[in-house]
Every structure is written in structure tokens, then in C-alpha cells.
Amino acid sequence: PPVALAATAQLAGWRDALQDRLPL
């Protein structure tokens, strides 16, 4: 469903944002 796709994309973006801040 569209809601699940949006949540998946948001989760992937959140993980990518954290990945860049792992050294901090």
C-alpha cells in the first residue's frame, strides 16, 4: 500500500541520515 511504501522510504532516509553521522 502507498502508506507502507512511504514509511519504508522514510525509514531508509532516516537510516541513511544516521549512517553519515556515525563518526559523531
mmCIF file of all heavy atoms, coordinates in Angstrom:
data_MODEL
# 
_entry.id   MODEL 
# 
loop_
_atom_site.group_PDB 
_atom_site.id 
_atom_site.type_symbol 
_atom_site.label_atom_id 
_atom_site.label_alt_id 
_atom_site.label_comp_id 
_atom_site.label_asym_id 
_atom_site.label_entity_id 
_atom_site.label_seq_id 
_atom_site.pdbx_PDB_ins_code 
_atom_site.Cartn_x 
_atom_site.Cartn_y 
_atom_site.Cartn_z 
_atom_site.occupancy 
_atom_site.B_iso_or_equiv 
_atom_site.pdbx_formal_charge 
_atom_site.auth_seq_id 
_atom_site.auth_comp_id 
_atom_site.auth_asym_id 
_atom_site.auth_atom_id 
_atom_site.pdbx_PDB_model_num 
ATOM 1   N N   . PRO A 1 1  ? 0.841  -1.202 0.000  1.00 0.00 ? 1  PRO A N   1 
ATOM 2   C CA  . PRO A 1 1  ? 0.000  0.000  0.000  1.00 0.00 ? 1  PRO A CA  1 
ATOM 3   C C   . PRO A 1 1  ? 0.869  1.242  0.000  1.00 0.00 ? 1  PRO A C   1 
ATOM 4   O O   . PRO A 1 1  ? 2.031  1.216  0.412  1.00 0.00 ? 1  PRO A O   1 
ATOM 5   C CB  . PRO A 1 1  ? -0.810 -0.134 1.294  1.00 0.00 ? 1  PRO A CB  1 
ATOM 6   C CG  . PRO A 1 1  ? -0.019 -1.060 2.158  1.00 0.00 ? 1  PRO A CG  1 
ATOM 7   C CD  . PRO A 1 1  ? 0.692  -1.991 1.225  1.00 0.00 ? 1  PRO A CD  1 
ATOM 8   N N   . PRO A 1 2  ? 0.329  2.357  -0.456 1.00 0.00 ? 2  PRO A N   1 
ATOM 9   C CA  . PRO A 1 2  ? 1.107  3.604  -0.515 1.00 0.00 ? 2  PRO A CA  1 
ATOM 10  C C   . PRO A 1 2  ? 1.667  4.026  0.843  1.00 0.00 ? 2  PRO A C   1 
ATOM 11  O O   . PRO A 1 2  ? 2.778  4.560  0.923  1.00 0.00 ? 2  PRO A O   1 
ATOM 12  C CB  . PRO A 1 2  ? 0.099  4.627  -1.057 1.00 0.00 ? 2  PRO A CB  1 
ATOM 13  C CG  . PRO A 1 2  ? -0.912 3.794  -1.788 1.00 0.00 ? 2  PRO A CG  1 
ATOM 14  C CD  . PRO A 1 2  ? -1.006 2.504  -1.041 1.00 0.00 ? 2  PRO A CD  1 
ATOM 15  N N   . VAL A 1 3  ? 0.886  3.794  1.916  1.00 0.00 ? 3  VAL A N   1 
ATOM 16  C CA  . VAL A 1 3  ? 1.364  4.196  3.245  1.00 0.00 ? 3  VAL A CA  1 
ATOM 17  C C   . VAL A 1 3  ? 2.616  3.413  3.619  1.00 0.00 ? 3  VAL A C   1 
ATOM 18  O O   . VAL A 1 3  ? 3.578  3.957  4.168  1.00 0.00 ? 3  VAL A O   1 
ATOM 19  C CB  . VAL A 1 3  ? 0.247  3.982  4.293  1.00 0.00 ? 3  VAL A CB  1 
ATOM 20  C CG1 . VAL A 1 3  ? 0.776  4.277  5.685  1.00 0.00 ? 3  VAL A CG1 1 
ATOM 21  C CG2 . VAL A 1 3  ? -0.954 4.866  3.984  1.00 0.00 ? 3  VAL A CG2 1 
ATOM 22  N N   . ALA A 1 4  ? 2.625  2.093  3.302  1.00 0.00 ? 4  ALA A N   1 
ATOM 23  C CA  . ALA A 1 4  ? 3.793  1.270  3.623  1.00 0.00 ? 4  ALA A CA  1 
ATOM 24  C C   . ALA A 1 4  ? 4.999  1.700  2.797  1.00 0.00 ? 4  ALA A C   1 
ATOM 25  O O   . ALA A 1 4  ? 6.123  1.732  3.295  1.00 0.00 ? 4  ALA A O   1 
ATOM 26  C CB  . ALA A 1 4  ? 3.479  -0.205 3.376  1.00 0.00 ? 4  ALA A CB  1 
ATOM 27  N N   . LEU A 1 5  ? 4.768  2.032  1.514  1.00 0.00 ? 5  LEU A N   1 
ATOM 28  C CA  . LEU A 1 5  ? 5.882  2.484  0.690  1.00 0.00 ? 5  LEU A CA  1 
ATOM 29  C C   . LEU A 1 5  ? 6.464  3.788  1.220  1.00 0.00 ? 5  LEU A C   1 
ATOM 30  O O   . LEU A 1 5  ? 7.685  3.973  1.248  1.00 0.00 ? 5  LEU A O   1 
ATOM 31  C CB  . LEU A 1 5  ? 5.398  2.685  -0.750 1.00 0.00 ? 5  LEU A CB  1 
ATOM 32  C CG  . LEU A 1 5  ? 5.120  1.410  -1.557 1.00 0.00 ? 5  LEU A CG  1 
ATOM 33  C CD1 . LEU A 1 5  ? 4.467  1.757  -2.881 1.00 0.00 ? 5  LEU A CD1 1 
ATOM 34  C CD2 . LEU A 1 5  ? 6.420  0.634  -1.780 1.00 0.00 ? 5  LEU A CD2 1 
ATOM 35  N N   . ALA A 1 6  ? 5.581  4.700  1.631  1.00 0.00 ? 6  ALA A N   1 
ATOM 36  C CA  . ALA A 1 6  ? 6.066  5.974  2.172  1.00 0.00 ? 6  ALA A CA  1 
ATOM 37  C C   . ALA A 1 6  ? 6.842  5.753  3.464  1.00 0.00 ? 6  ALA A C   1 
ATOM 38  O O   . ALA A 1 6  ? 7.892  6.368  3.701  1.00 0.00 ? 6  ALA A O   1 
ATOM 39  C CB  . ALA A 1 6  ? 4.886  6.920  2.419  1.00 0.00 ? 6  ALA A CB  1 
ATOM 40  N N   . ALA A 1 7  ? 6.339  4.845  4.334  1.00 0.00 ? 7  ALA A N   1 
ATOM 41  C CA  . ALA A 1 7  ? 7.034  4.563  5.590  1.00 0.00 ? 7  ALA A CA  1 
ATOM 42  C C   . ALA A 1 7  ? 8.391  3.922  5.342  1.00 0.00 ? 7  ALA A C   1 
ATOM 43  O O   . ALA A 1 7  ? 9.374  4.224  6.018  1.00 0.00 ? 7  ALA A O   1 
ATOM 44  C CB  . ALA A 1 7  ? 6.168  3.651  6.468  1.00 0.00 ? 7  ALA A CB  1 
ATOM 45  N N   . THR A 1 8  ? 8.439  3.026  4.341  1.00 0.00 ? 8  THR A N   1 
ATOM 46  C CA  . THR A 1 8  ? 9.699  2.377  4.004  1.00 0.00 ? 8  THR A CA  1 
ATOM 47  C C   . THR A 1 8  ? 10.718 3.390  3.503  1.00 0.00 ? 8  THR A C   1 
ATOM 48  O O   . THR A 1 8  ? 11.898 3.367  3.889  1.00 0.00 ? 8  THR A O   1 
ATOM 49  C CB  . THR A 1 8  ? 9.464  1.297  2.937  1.00 0.00 ? 8  THR A CB  1 
ATOM 50  O OG1 . THR A 1 8  ? 8.530  0.354  3.427  1.00 0.00 ? 8  THR A OG1 1 
ATOM 51  C CG2 . THR A 1 8  ? 10.765 0.599  2.593  1.00 0.00 ? 8  THR A CG2 1 
ATOM 52  N N   . ALA A 1 9  ? 10.270 4.288  2.640  1.00 0.00 ? 9  ALA A N   1 
ATOM 53  C CA  . ALA A 1 9  ? 11.172 5.319  2.126  1.00 0.00 ? 9  ALA A CA  1 
ATOM 54  C C   . ALA A 1 9  ? 11.656 6.234  3.246  1.00 0.00 ? 9  ALA A C   1 
ATOM 55  O O   . ALA A 1 9  ? 12.833 6.629  3.294  1.00 0.00 ? 9  ALA A O   1 
ATOM 56  C CB  . ALA A 1 9  ? 10.476 6.120  1.036  1.00 0.00 ? 9  ALA A CB  1 
ATOM 57  N N   . GLN A 1 10 ? 10.751 6.581  4.162  1.00 0.00 ? 10 GLN A N   1 
ATOM 58  C CA  . GLN A 1 10 ? 11.126 7.443  5.278  1.00 0.00 ? 10 GLN A CA  1 
ATOM 59  C C   . GLN A 1 10 ? 12.132 6.750  6.192  1.00 0.00 ? 10 GLN A C   1 
ATOM 60  O O   . GLN A 1 10 ? 13.101 7.360  6.663  1.00 0.00 ? 10 GLN A O   1 
ATOM 61  C CB  . GLN A 1 10 ? 9.884  7.842  6.067  1.00 0.00 ? 10 GLN A CB  1 
ATOM 62  C CG  . GLN A 1 10 ? 10.170 8.829  7.197  1.00 0.00 ? 10 GLN A CG  1 
ATOM 63  C CD  . GLN A 1 10 ? 8.899  9.243  7.903  1.00 0.00 ? 10 GLN A CD  1 
ATOM 64  O OE1 . GLN A 1 10 ? 7.831  8.685  7.655  1.00 0.00 ? 10 GLN A OE1 1 
ATOM 65  N NE2 . GLN A 1 10 ? 9.000  10.210 8.801  1.00 0.00 ? 10 GLN A NE2 1 
ATOM 66  N N   . LEU A 1 11 ? 11.922 5.437  6.439  1.00 0.00 ? 11 LEU A N   1 
ATOM 67  C CA  . LEU A 1 11 ? 12.846 4.681  7.279  1.00 0.00 ? 11 LEU A CA  1 
ATOM 68  C C   . LEU A 1 11 ? 14.218 4.584  6.626  1.00 0.00 ? 11 LEU A C   1 
ATOM 69  O O   . LEU A 1 11 ? 15.255 4.746  7.282  1.00 0.00 ? 11 LEU A O   1 
ATOM 70  C CB  . LEU A 1 11 ? 12.288 3.281  7.536  1.00 0.00 ? 11 LEU A CB  1 
ATOM 71  C CG  . LEU A 1 11 ? 13.136 2.344  8.406  1.00 0.00 ? 11 LEU A CG  1 
ATOM 72  C CD1 . LEU A 1 11 ? 13.349 2.952  9.791  1.00 0.00 ? 11 LEU A CD1 1 
ATOM 73  C CD2 . LEU A 1 11 ? 12.471 0.976  8.523  1.00 0.00 ? 11 LEU A CD2 1 
ATOM 74  N N   . ALA A 1 12 ? 14.241 4.325  5.324  1.00 0.00 ? 12 ALA A N   1 
ATOM 75  C CA  . ALA A 1 12 ? 15.519 4.258  4.613  1.00 0.00 ? 12 ALA A CA  1 
ATOM 76  C C   . ALA A 1 12 ? 16.246 5.603  4.660  1.00 0.00 ? 12 ALA A C   1 
ATOM 77  O O   . ALA A 1 12 ? 17.466 5.656  4.847  1.00 0.00 ? 12 ALA A O   1 
ATOM 78  C CB  . ALA A 1 12 ? 15.280 3.829  3.170  1.00 0.00 ? 12 ALA A CB  1 
ATOM 79  N N   . GLY A 1 13 ? 15.507 6.695  4.514  1.00 0.00 ? 13 GLY A N   1 
ATOM 80  C CA  . GLY A 1 13 ? 16.135 8.010  4.603  1.00 0.00 ? 13 GLY A CA  1 
ATOM 81  C C   . GLY A 1 13 ? 16.671 8.298  5.989  1.00 0.00 ? 13 GLY A C   1 
ATOM 82  O O   . GLY A 1 13 ? 17.749 8.897  6.135  1.00 0.00 ? 13 GLY A O   1 
ATOM 83  N N   . TRP A 1 14 ? 15.934 7.866  7.007  1.00 0.00 ? 14 TRP A N   1 
ATOM 84  C CA  . TRP A 1 14 ? 16.381 8.054  8.386  1.00 0.00 ? 14 TRP A CA  1 
ATOM 85  C C   . TRP A 1 14 ? 17.664 7.283  8.643  1.00 0.00 ? 14 TRP A C   1 
ATOM 86  O O   . TRP A 1 14 ? 18.605 7.781  9.266  1.00 0.00 ? 14 TRP A O   1 
ATOM 87  C CB  . TRP A 1 14 ? 15.265 7.612  9.321  1.00 0.00 ? 14 TRP A CB  1 
ATOM 88  C CG  . TRP A 1 14 ? 15.628 7.649  10.768 1.00 0.00 ? 14 TRP A CG  1 
ATOM 89  C CD1 . TRP A 1 14 ? 15.709 8.749  11.564 1.00 0.00 ? 14 TRP A CD1 1 
ATOM 90  C CD2 . TRP A 1 14 ? 15.942 6.527  11.595 1.00 0.00 ? 14 TRP A CD2 1 
ATOM 91  N NE1 . TRP A 1 14 ? 16.066 8.380  12.838 1.00 0.00 ? 14 TRP A NE1 1 
ATOM 92  C CE2 . TRP A 1 14 ? 16.211 7.020  12.888 1.00 0.00 ? 14 TRP A CE2 1 
ATOM 93  C CE3 . TRP A 1 14 ? 16.010 5.151  11.366 1.00 0.00 ? 14 TRP A CE3 1 
ATOM 94  C CZ2 . TRP A 1 14 ? 16.546 6.181  13.940 1.00 0.00 ? 14 TRP A CZ2 1 
ATOM 95  C CZ3 . TRP A 1 14 ? 16.352 4.320  12.415 1.00 0.00 ? 14 TRP A CZ3 1 
ATOM 96  C CH2 . TRP A 1 14 ? 16.616 4.830  13.686 1.00 0.00 ? 14 TRP A CH2 1 
ATOM 97  N N   . ARG A 1 15 ? 17.744 6.053  8.126  1.00 0.00 ? 15 ARG A N   1 
ATOM 98  C CA  . ARG A 1 15 ? 18.950 5.252  8.318  1.00 0.00 ? 15 ARG A CA  1 
ATOM 99  C C   . ARG A 1 15 ? 20.140 5.867  7.566  1.00 0.00 ? 15 ARG A C   1 
ATOM 100 O O   . ARG A 1 15 ? 21.254 5.877  8.070  1.00 0.00 ? 15 ARG A O   1 
ATOM 101 C CB  . ARG A 1 15 ? 18.714 3.821  7.817  1.00 0.00 ? 15 ARG A CB  1 
ATOM 102 C CG  . ARG A 1 15 ? 17.601 3.053  8.512  1.00 0.00 ? 15 ARG A CG  1 
ATOM 103 C CD  . ARG A 1 15 ? 17.952 2.645  9.902  1.00 0.00 ? 15 ARG A CD  1 
ATOM 104 N NE  . ARG A 1 15 ? 19.091 1.752  9.972  1.00 0.00 ? 15 ARG A NE  1 
ATOM 105 C CZ  . ARG A 1 15 ? 19.408 1.049  11.063 1.00 0.00 ? 15 ARG A CZ  1 
ATOM 106 N NH1 . ARG A 1 15 ? 18.663 1.150  12.147 1.00 0.00 ? 15 ARG A NH1 1 
ATOM 107 N NH2 . ARG A 1 15 ? 20.465 0.271  11.073 1.00 0.00 ? 15 ARG A NH2 1 
ATOM 108 N N   . ASP A 1 16 ? 19.883 6.370  6.370  1.00 0.00 ? 16 ASP A N   1 
ATOM 109 C CA  . ASP A 1 16 ? 20.968 6.998  5.609  1.00 0.00 ? 16 ASP A CA  1 
ATOM 110 C C   . ASP A 1 16 ? 21.490 8.243  6.328  1.00 0.00 ? 16 ASP A C   1 
ATOM 111 O O   . ASP A 1 16 ? 22.700 8.509  6.343  1.00 0.00 ? 16 ASP A O   1 
ATOM 112 C CB  . ASP A 1 16 ? 20.483 7.368  4.209  1.00 0.00 ? 16 ASP A CB  1 
ATOM 113 C CG  . ASP A 1 16 ? 20.217 6.135  3.350  1.00 0.00 ? 16 ASP A CG  1 
ATOM 114 O OD1 . ASP A 1 16 ? 20.779 5.067  3.679  1.00 0.00 ? 16 ASP A OD1 1 
ATOM 115 O OD2 . ASP A 1 16 ? 19.442 6.243  2.378  1.00 0.00 ? 16 ASP A OD2 1 
ATOM 116 N N   . ALA A 1 17 ? 20.574 9.011  6.922  1.00 0.00 ? 17 ALA A N   1 
ATOM 117 C CA  . ALA A 1 17 ? 20.997 10.208 7.654  1.00 0.00 ? 17 ALA A CA  1 
ATOM 118 C C   . ALA A 1 17 ? 21.852 9.844  8.856  1.00 0.00 ? 17 ALA A C   1 
ATOM 119 O O   . ALA A 1 17 ? 22.854 10.511 9.149  1.00 0.00 ? 17 ALA A O   1 
ATOM 120 C CB  . ALA A 1 17 ? 19.772 11.013 8.087  1.00 0.00 ? 17 ALA A CB  1 
ATOM 121 N N   . LEU A 1 18 ? 21.476 8.768  9.564  1.00 0.00 ? 18 LEU A N   1 
ATOM 122 C CA  . LEU A 1 18 ? 22.275 8.328  10.709 1.00 0.00 ? 18 LEU A CA  1 
ATOM 123 C C   . LEU A 1 18 ? 23.619 7.764  10.262 1.00 0.00 ? 18 LEU A C   1 
ATOM 124 O O   . LEU A 1 18 ? 24.631 7.927  10.954 1.00 0.00 ? 18 LEU A O   1 
ATOM 125 C CB  . LEU A 1 18 ? 21.513 7.272  11.513 1.00 0.00 ? 18 LEU A CB  1 
ATOM 126 C CG  . LEU A 1 18 ? 20.478 7.782  12.516 1.00 0.00 ? 18 LEU A CG  1 
ATOM 127 C CD1 . LEU A 1 18 ? 19.819 6.612  13.234 1.00 0.00 ? 18 LEU A CD1 1 
ATOM 128 C CD2 . LEU A 1 18 ? 21.120 8.716  13.534 1.00 0.00 ? 18 LEU A CD2 1 
ATOM 129 N N   . GLN A 1 19 ? 23.628 7.095  9.120  1.00 0.00 ? 19 GLN A N   1 
ATOM 130 C CA  . GLN A 1 19 ? 24.867 6.498  8.620  1.00 0.00 ? 19 GLN A CA  1 
ATOM 131 C C   . GLN A 1 19 ? 25.944 7.567  8.447  1.00 0.00 ? 19 GLN A C   1 
ATOM 132 O O   . GLN A 1 19 ? 27.123 7.330  8.743  1.00 0.00 ? 19 GLN A O   1 
ATOM 133 C CB  . GLN A 1 19 ? 24.600 5.786  7.294  1.00 0.00 ? 19 GLN A CB  1 
ATOM 134 C CG  . GLN A 1 19 ? 25.802 5.063  6.713  1.00 0.00 ? 19 GLN A CG  1 
ATOM 135 C CD  . GLN A 1 19 ? 26.163 3.809  7.496  1.00 0.00 ? 19 GLN A CD  1 
ATOM 136 O OE1 . GLN A 1 19 ? 25.286 3.121  7.995  1.00 0.00 ? 19 GLN A OE1 1 
ATOM 137 N NE2 . GLN A 1 19 ? 27.456 3.530  7.594  1.00 0.00 ? 19 GLN A NE2 1 
ATOM 138 N N   . ASP A 1 20 ? 25.545 8.742  7.985  1.00 0.00 ? 20 ASP A N   1 
ATOM 139 C CA  . ASP A 1 20 ? 26.505 9.815  7.782  1.00 0.00 ? 20 ASP A CA  1 
ATOM 140 C C   . ASP A 1 20 ? 27.018 10.401 9.096  1.00 0.00 ? 20 ASP A C   1 
ATOM 141 O O   . ASP A 1 20 ? 28.073 11.054 9.112  1.00 0.00 ? 20 ASP A O   1 
ATOM 142 C CB  . ASP A 1 20 ? 25.879 10.935 6.941  1.00 0.00 ? 20 ASP A CB  1 
ATOM 143 C CG  . ASP A 1 20 ? 25.508 10.451 5.540  1.00 0.00 ? 20 ASP A CG  1 
ATOM 144 O OD1 . ASP A 1 20 ? 26.136 9.477  5.072  1.00 0.00 ? 20 ASP A OD1 1 
ATOM 145 O OD2 . ASP A 1 20 ? 24.594 11.036 4.939  1.00 0.00 ? 20 ASP A OD2 1 
ATOM 146 N N   . ARG A 1 21 ? 26.278 10.172 10.177 1.00 0.00 ? 21 ARG A N   1 
ATOM 147 C CA  . ARG A 1 21 ? 26.650 10.751 11.472 1.00 0.00 ? 21 ARG A CA  1 
ATOM 148 C C   . ARG A 1 21 ? 27.236 9.733  12.440 1.00 0.00 ? 21 ARG A C   1 
ATOM 149 O O   . ARG A 1 21 ? 27.405 10.035 13.633 1.00 0.00 ? 21 ARG A O   1 
ATOM 150 C CB  . ARG A 1 21 ? 25.429 11.432 12.095 1.00 0.00 ? 21 ARG A CB  1 
ATOM 151 C CG  . ARG A 1 21 ? 24.984 12.679 11.337 1.00 0.00 ? 21 ARG A CG  1 
ATOM 152 C CD  . ARG A 1 21 ? 23.623 13.148 11.791 1.00 0.00 ? 21 ARG A CD  1 
ATOM 153 N NE  . ARG A 1 21 ? 23.262 14.409 11.155 1.00 0.00 ? 21 ARG A NE  1 
ATOM 154 C CZ  . ARG A 1 21 ? 22.799 14.525 9.921  1.00 0.00 ? 21 ARG A CZ  1 
ATOM 155 N NH1 . ARG A 1 21 ? 22.655 13.432 9.164  1.00 0.00 ? 21 ARG A NH1 1 
ATOM 156 N NH2 . ARG A 1 21 ? 22.501 15.705 9.415  1.00 0.00 ? 21 ARG A NH2 1 
ATOM 157 N N   . LEU A 1 22 ? 27.540 8.539  11.971 1.00 0.00 ? 22 LEU A N   1 
ATOM 158 C CA  . LEU A 1 22 ? 28.107 7.516  12.849 1.00 0.00 ? 22 LEU A CA  1 
ATOM 159 C C   . LEU A 1 22 ? 29.436 7.946  13.475 1.00 0.00 ? 22 LEU A C   1 
ATOM 160 O O   . LEU A 1 22 ? 29.677 7.653  14.656 1.00 0.00 ? 22 LEU A O   1 
ATOM 161 C CB  . LEU A 1 22 ? 28.280 6.203  12.081 1.00 0.00 ? 22 LEU A CB  1 
ATOM 162 C CG  . LEU A 1 22 ? 26.988 5.475  11.689 1.00 0.00 ? 22 LEU A CG  1 
ATOM 163 C CD1 . LEU A 1 22 ? 27.312 4.138  11.034 1.00 0.00 ? 22 LEU A CD1 1 
ATOM 164 C CD2 . LEU A 1 22 ? 26.076 5.277  12.882 1.00 0.00 ? 22 LEU A CD2 1 
ATOM 165 N N   . PRO A 1 23 ? 30.335 8.615  12.748 1.00 0.00 ? 23 PRO A N   1 
ATOM 166 C CA  . PRO A 1 23 ? 31.570 9.076  13.406 1.00 0.00 ? 23 PRO A CA  1 
ATOM 167 C C   . PRO A 1 23 ? 31.307 10.011 14.582 1.00 0.00 ? 23 PRO A C   1 
ATOM 168 O O   . PRO A 1 23 ? 31.995 9.937  15.609 1.00 0.00 ? 23 PRO A O   1 
ATOM 169 C CB  . PRO A 1 23 ? 32.323 9.789  12.287 1.00 0.00 ? 23 PRO A CB  1 
ATOM 170 C CG  . PRO A 1 23 ? 31.827 9.146  11.029 1.00 0.00 ? 23 PRO A CG  1 
ATOM 171 C CD  . PRO A 1 23 ? 30.379 8.854  11.283 1.00 0.00 ? 23 PRO A CD  1 
ATOM 172 N N   . LEU A 1 24 ? 30.287 10.879 14.459 1.00 0.00 ? 24 LEU A N   1 
ATOM 173 C CA  . LEU A 1 24 ? 29.955 11.776 15.562 1.00 0.00 ? 24 LEU A CA  1 
ATOM 174 C C   . LEU A 1 24 ? 29.410 10.982 16.749 1.00 0.00 ? 24 LEU A C   1 
ATOM 175 O O   . LEU A 1 24 ? 29.732 11.274 17.912 1.00 0.00 ? 24 LEU A O   1 
ATOM 176 C CB  . LEU A 1 24 ? 28.934 12.816 15.101 1.00 0.00 ? 24 LEU A CB  1 
ATOM 177 C CG  . LEU A 1 24 ? 28.440 13.790 16.166 1.00 0.00 ? 24 LEU A CG  1 
ATOM 178 C CD1 . LEU A 1 24 ? 29.597 14.601 16.731 1.00 0.00 ? 24 LEU A CD1 1 
ATOM 179 C CD2 . LEU A 1 24 ? 27.357 14.706 15.591 1.00 0.00 ? 24 LEU A CD2 1 
# 
